[in-house]
N, C-alpha and C. Protein backbone atom coordinates (compact mmCIF):
# COMPACT_ATOMS: atom_id res chain seq x y z
N UNK A 1 0.84 -1.17 0.00
CA UNK A 1 0.00 0.00 0.00
C UNK A 1 0.89 1.23 0.00
N UNK A 2 0.58 2.19 -0.87
CA UNK A 2 1.34 3.43 -0.96
C UNK A 2 0.86 4.41 0.09
N UNK A 3 1.77 5.23 0.56
CA UNK A 3 1.38 6.28 1.49
C UNK A 3 1.20 7.58 0.72
N UNK A 4 0.50 8.52 1.34
CA UNK A 4 0.28 9.82 0.72
C UNK A 4 0.76 10.91 1.67
N UNK A 5 0.97 12.07 1.12
CA UNK A 5 1.39 13.20 1.94
C UNK A 5 0.21 13.68 2.78
N UNK A 6 0.52 14.42 3.83
CA UNK A 6 -0.54 14.96 4.68
C UNK A 6 -1.45 15.89 3.88
N UNK A 7 -0.86 16.71 3.01
CA UNK A 7 -1.68 17.63 2.23
C UNK A 7 -2.62 16.88 1.29
N UNK A 8 -2.15 15.76 0.74
CA UNK A 8 -3.02 14.95 -0.13
C UNK A 8 -4.16 14.34 0.68
N UNK A 9 -3.82 13.87 1.89
CA UNK A 9 -4.87 13.31 2.76
C UNK A 9 -5.86 14.39 3.15
N UNK A 10 -5.36 15.57 3.53
CA UNK A 10 -6.24 16.66 3.96
C UNK A 10 -7.22 17.06 2.86
N UNK A 11 -6.80 16.94 1.62
CA UNK A 11 -7.67 17.30 0.50
C UNK A 11 -8.60 16.18 0.07
N UNK A 12 -8.45 15.00 0.66
CA UNK A 12 -9.30 13.87 0.27
C UNK A 12 -10.66 13.94 0.94
N UNK A 13 -11.58 13.11 0.48
CA UNK A 13 -12.92 13.06 1.09
C UNK A 13 -12.84 12.68 2.57
N UNK A 14 -11.99 11.72 2.90
CA UNK A 14 -11.84 11.31 4.30
C UNK A 14 -11.24 12.45 5.11
N UNK A 15 -10.26 13.13 4.55
CA UNK A 15 -9.66 14.27 5.24
C UNK A 15 -10.67 15.35 5.54
N UNK A 16 -11.53 15.66 4.58
CA UNK A 16 -12.58 16.66 4.79
C UNK A 16 -13.57 16.19 5.84
N UNK A 17 -13.91 14.92 5.81
CA UNK A 17 -14.85 14.34 6.78
C UNK A 17 -14.30 14.47 8.20
N UNK A 18 -13.02 14.09 8.38
CA UNK A 18 -12.39 14.19 9.70
C UNK A 18 -12.31 15.65 10.13
N UNK A 19 -11.89 16.53 9.22
CA UNK A 19 -11.76 17.95 9.54
C UNK A 19 -13.09 18.55 10.00
N UNK A 20 -14.18 18.17 9.33
CA UNK A 20 -15.50 18.68 9.70
C UNK A 20 -15.89 18.26 11.12
N UNK A 21 -15.44 17.09 11.54
CA UNK A 21 -15.78 16.61 12.87
C UNK A 21 -14.87 17.18 13.96
N UNK A 22 -13.72 17.68 13.55
CA UNK A 22 -12.81 18.29 14.52
C UNK A 22 -12.98 19.80 14.60
N UNK A 23 -13.63 20.37 13.61
CA UNK A 23 -13.78 21.82 13.53
C UNK A 23 -14.72 22.33 14.62
N UNK A 24 -14.35 23.46 15.23
CA UNK A 24 -15.24 24.09 16.21
C UNK A 24 -16.19 25.06 15.53
N UNK A 25 -15.92 25.40 14.28
CA UNK A 25 -16.78 26.29 13.50
C UNK A 25 -17.35 25.52 12.33
N UNK A 26 -18.59 25.02 12.46
CA UNK A 26 -19.15 24.26 11.34
C UNK A 26 -19.27 25.12 10.08
N UNK A 27 -18.96 24.50 8.97
CA UNK A 27 -19.02 25.17 7.68
C UNK A 27 -20.48 25.17 7.19
N UNK A 28 -20.87 26.20 6.46
CA UNK A 28 -22.23 26.21 5.90
C UNK A 28 -22.46 24.97 5.04
N UNK A 29 -23.57 24.32 5.25
CA UNK A 29 -23.90 23.12 4.50
C UNK A 29 -23.23 21.87 5.04
N UNK A 30 -22.42 22.00 6.11
CA UNK A 30 -21.74 20.86 6.69
C UNK A 30 -22.70 20.10 7.59
N UNK A 31 -22.56 18.78 7.63
CA UNK A 31 -23.42 17.99 8.50
C UNK A 31 -22.97 18.05 9.95
N UNK A 32 -21.75 18.52 10.18
CA UNK A 32 -21.24 18.61 11.54
C UNK A 32 -21.83 19.82 12.24
N UNK A 33 -22.24 19.64 13.50
CA UNK A 33 -22.84 20.71 14.27
C UNK A 33 -21.83 21.32 15.22
N UNK A 34 -20.72 20.74 15.38
CA UNK A 34 -19.69 21.21 16.29
C UNK A 34 -18.64 20.14 16.38
N UNK A 35 -17.74 20.27 17.34
CA UNK A 35 -16.68 19.27 17.44
C UNK A 35 -17.25 17.88 17.73
N UNK A 36 -16.84 16.93 16.96
CA UNK A 36 -17.21 15.53 17.17
C UNK A 36 -15.93 14.71 17.17
N UNK A 37 -15.00 15.11 18.01
CA UNK A 37 -13.70 14.45 18.03
C UNK A 37 -13.81 12.98 18.40
N UNK A 38 -14.86 12.62 19.16
CA UNK A 38 -15.03 11.21 19.51
C UNK A 38 -15.29 10.36 18.27
N UNK A 39 -16.01 10.91 17.29
CA UNK A 39 -16.28 10.19 16.04
C UNK A 39 -14.97 10.01 15.27
N UNK A 40 -14.19 11.09 15.15
CA UNK A 40 -12.91 11.00 14.45
C UNK A 40 -11.97 10.05 15.19
N UNK A 41 -11.97 10.12 16.52
CA UNK A 41 -11.13 9.23 17.31
C UNK A 41 -11.50 7.77 17.08
N UNK A 42 -12.80 7.47 17.08
CA UNK A 42 -13.25 6.09 16.85
C UNK A 42 -12.81 5.59 15.48
N UNK A 43 -12.92 6.45 14.47
CA UNK A 43 -12.50 6.07 13.13
C UNK A 43 -11.01 5.78 13.10
N UNK A 44 -10.22 6.69 13.68
CA UNK A 44 -8.77 6.50 13.67
C UNK A 44 -8.36 5.28 14.49
N UNK A 45 -9.03 5.02 15.59
CA UNK A 45 -8.74 3.82 16.39
C UNK A 45 -9.05 2.56 15.59
N UNK A 46 -10.17 2.58 14.87
CA UNK A 46 -10.53 1.43 14.02
C UNK A 46 -9.48 1.22 12.93
N UNK A 47 -9.05 2.30 12.28
CA UNK A 47 -8.05 2.18 11.23
C UNK A 47 -6.71 1.68 11.77
N UNK A 48 -6.33 2.17 12.94
CA UNK A 48 -5.08 1.71 13.56
C UNK A 48 -5.15 0.22 13.88
N UNK A 49 -6.29 -0.21 14.43
CA UNK A 49 -6.46 -1.64 14.74
C UNK A 49 -6.38 -2.47 13.46
N UNK A 50 -7.04 -2.01 12.42
CA UNK A 50 -7.04 -2.75 11.15
C UNK A 50 -5.62 -2.81 10.56
N UNK A 51 -4.87 -1.71 10.69
CA UNK A 51 -3.50 -1.71 10.19
C UNK A 51 -2.64 -2.72 10.95
N UNK A 52 -2.83 -2.81 12.27
CA UNK A 52 -2.08 -3.79 13.06
C UNK A 52 -2.45 -5.21 12.66
N UNK A 53 -3.74 -5.45 12.42
CA UNK A 53 -4.19 -6.77 11.97
C UNK A 53 -3.58 -7.11 10.61
N UNK A 54 -3.57 -6.15 9.71
CA UNK A 54 -3.01 -6.39 8.38
C UNK A 54 -1.50 -6.64 8.46
N UNK A 55 -0.82 -5.94 9.35
CA UNK A 55 0.61 -6.16 9.52
C UNK A 55 0.86 -7.56 10.06
N UNK A 56 0.03 -8.01 11.00
CA UNK A 56 0.16 -9.36 11.54
C UNK A 56 -0.07 -10.40 10.44
N UNK A 57 -1.09 -10.17 9.62
CA UNK A 57 -1.37 -11.09 8.50
C UNK A 57 -0.18 -11.13 7.54
N UNK A 58 0.40 -9.98 7.27
CA UNK A 58 1.55 -9.92 6.38
C UNK A 58 2.70 -10.74 6.96
N UNK A 59 2.97 -10.58 8.24
CA UNK A 59 4.04 -11.34 8.88
C UNK A 59 3.79 -12.84 8.80
N UNK A 60 2.53 -13.25 8.98
CA UNK A 60 2.19 -14.67 8.87
C UNK A 60 2.42 -15.18 7.46
N UNK A 61 2.08 -14.37 6.46
CA UNK A 61 2.31 -14.76 5.06
C UNK A 61 3.80 -14.86 4.76
N UNK A 62 4.58 -13.94 5.29
CA UNK A 62 6.03 -13.96 5.07
C UNK A 62 6.62 -15.23 5.69
N UNK A 63 6.22 -15.55 6.90
CA UNK A 63 6.73 -16.76 7.55
C UNK A 63 6.31 -18.02 6.79
N UNK A 64 5.06 -18.05 6.32
CA UNK A 64 4.59 -19.19 5.53
C UNK A 64 5.39 -19.31 4.23
N UNK A 65 5.69 -18.16 3.61
CA UNK A 65 6.49 -18.16 2.39
C UNK A 65 7.84 -18.81 2.64
N UNK A 66 8.55 -18.37 3.70
CA UNK A 66 9.87 -18.91 3.97
C UNK A 66 9.80 -20.39 4.35
N UNK A 67 8.76 -20.79 5.04
CA UNK A 67 8.59 -22.20 5.39
C UNK A 67 8.36 -23.03 4.13
N UNK A 68 7.52 -22.54 3.23
CA UNK A 68 7.29 -23.24 1.96
C UNK A 68 8.57 -23.31 1.14
N UNK A 69 9.29 -22.22 1.08
CA UNK A 69 10.54 -22.18 0.32
C UNK A 69 11.55 -23.15 0.90
N UNK A 70 11.58 -23.25 2.21
CA UNK A 70 12.50 -24.19 2.86
C UNK A 70 12.20 -25.63 2.43
N UNK A 71 10.93 -25.91 2.18
CA UNK A 71 10.54 -27.26 1.78
C UNK A 71 10.88 -27.62 0.35
N UNK A 72 11.16 -26.62 -0.50
CA UNK A 72 11.38 -26.92 -1.92
C UNK A 72 12.77 -26.54 -2.41
N UNK A 73 13.63 -26.07 -1.53
CA UNK A 73 14.96 -25.68 -1.98
C UNK A 73 16.02 -26.22 -1.02
N UNK A 74 17.24 -26.26 -1.49
CA UNK A 74 18.32 -26.79 -0.65
C UNK A 74 18.74 -25.75 0.39
N UNK A 75 19.39 -26.21 1.44
CA UNK A 75 19.75 -25.35 2.57
C UNK A 75 20.68 -24.21 2.16
N UNK A 76 21.62 -24.47 1.28
CA UNK A 76 22.56 -23.43 0.87
C UNK A 76 21.85 -22.29 0.13
N UNK A 77 20.95 -22.65 -0.78
CA UNK A 77 20.20 -21.63 -1.51
C UNK A 77 19.29 -20.85 -0.57
N UNK A 78 18.64 -21.57 0.35
CA UNK A 78 17.75 -20.90 1.31
C UNK A 78 18.53 -19.90 2.16
N UNK A 79 19.70 -20.30 2.63
CA UNK A 79 20.52 -19.38 3.43
C UNK A 79 20.91 -18.14 2.62
N UNK A 80 21.27 -18.34 1.37
CA UNK A 80 21.63 -17.21 0.51
C UNK A 80 20.44 -16.29 0.29
N UNK A 81 19.27 -16.87 0.10
CA UNK A 81 18.07 -16.06 -0.11
C UNK A 81 17.70 -15.28 1.15
N UNK A 82 17.77 -15.93 2.29
CA UNK A 82 17.41 -15.26 3.55
C UNK A 82 18.35 -14.11 3.85
N UNK A 83 19.62 -14.27 3.52
CA UNK A 83 20.57 -13.20 3.84
C UNK A 83 20.45 -12.02 2.88
N UNK A 84 19.87 -12.24 1.70
CA UNK A 84 19.73 -11.16 0.73
C UNK A 84 18.32 -10.62 0.64
N UNK A 85 17.38 -11.27 1.27
CA UNK A 85 15.99 -10.83 1.19
C UNK A 85 15.27 -11.50 0.04
N UNK A 86 14.06 -11.03 -0.22
CA UNK A 86 13.22 -11.67 -1.22
C UNK A 86 13.25 -10.95 -2.56
N UNK A 87 14.38 -10.43 -2.94
CA UNK A 87 14.48 -9.75 -4.22
C UNK A 87 14.32 -10.75 -5.35
N UNK A 88 13.70 -10.31 -6.44
CA UNK A 88 13.46 -11.20 -7.57
C UNK A 88 14.74 -11.85 -8.08
N UNK A 89 15.82 -11.09 -8.14
CA UNK A 89 17.06 -11.66 -8.65
C UNK A 89 17.56 -12.78 -7.75
N UNK A 90 17.34 -12.63 -6.44
CA UNK A 90 17.75 -13.69 -5.51
C UNK A 90 16.82 -14.89 -5.62
N UNK A 91 15.53 -14.63 -5.68
CA UNK A 91 14.56 -15.73 -5.74
C UNK A 91 14.68 -16.51 -7.04
N UNK A 92 15.10 -15.84 -8.11
CA UNK A 92 15.26 -16.53 -9.39
C UNK A 92 16.27 -17.67 -9.27
N UNK A 93 17.21 -17.55 -8.34
CA UNK A 93 18.23 -18.58 -8.16
C UNK A 93 17.64 -19.88 -7.64
N UNK A 94 16.51 -19.82 -6.98
CA UNK A 94 15.85 -21.03 -6.49
C UNK A 94 14.87 -21.50 -7.57
N UNK A 95 15.15 -22.63 -8.17
CA UNK A 95 14.35 -23.11 -9.30
C UNK A 95 12.86 -23.17 -8.97
N UNK A 96 12.52 -23.53 -7.75
CA UNK A 96 11.11 -23.64 -7.35
C UNK A 96 10.38 -22.31 -7.40
N UNK A 97 11.13 -21.20 -7.36
CA UNK A 97 10.51 -19.86 -7.34
C UNK A 97 10.36 -19.26 -8.72
N UNK A 98 10.98 -19.82 -9.70
CA UNK A 98 11.04 -19.17 -11.02
C UNK A 98 9.68 -18.91 -11.67
N UNK A 99 8.71 -19.73 -11.35
CA UNK A 99 7.39 -19.49 -11.95
C UNK A 99 6.67 -18.30 -11.28
N UNK A 100 7.22 -17.79 -10.18
CA UNK A 100 6.60 -16.70 -9.45
C UNK A 100 7.30 -15.35 -9.60
N UNK A 101 8.51 -15.36 -10.16
CA UNK A 101 9.28 -14.11 -10.28
C UNK A 101 9.84 -13.98 -11.69
N UNK A 102 10.22 -12.77 -12.03
CA UNK A 102 10.85 -12.51 -13.33
C UNK A 102 12.36 -12.57 -13.19
N UNK A 103 13.02 -13.04 -14.22
CA UNK A 103 14.48 -13.05 -14.20
C UNK A 103 14.96 -11.60 -14.35
N UNK A 104 15.83 -11.19 -13.47
CA UNK A 104 16.32 -9.82 -13.50
C UNK A 104 17.74 -9.80 -13.97
């Protein structure tokens, strides 16, 4: 997932929605009647929790990847791959991975 600058976020629909709930001066035509920081807080807490869950899922997938790779490649190649990371050029060296990566 790509990150965005604060100014890009502030200009987004979500940024405007959060700003309207934090504003003490409601804008004409705004649905916000005053500060609703609890609503913005709940949203941000939910997003933070979801990000932590997604990070945990990612870690589980990474560990499963290395476990699967360990089962289909020799120890020397696995050690070389682990020390260099999961770059395509490194993974290409393991024959079992070639159908999943491009030769670099």
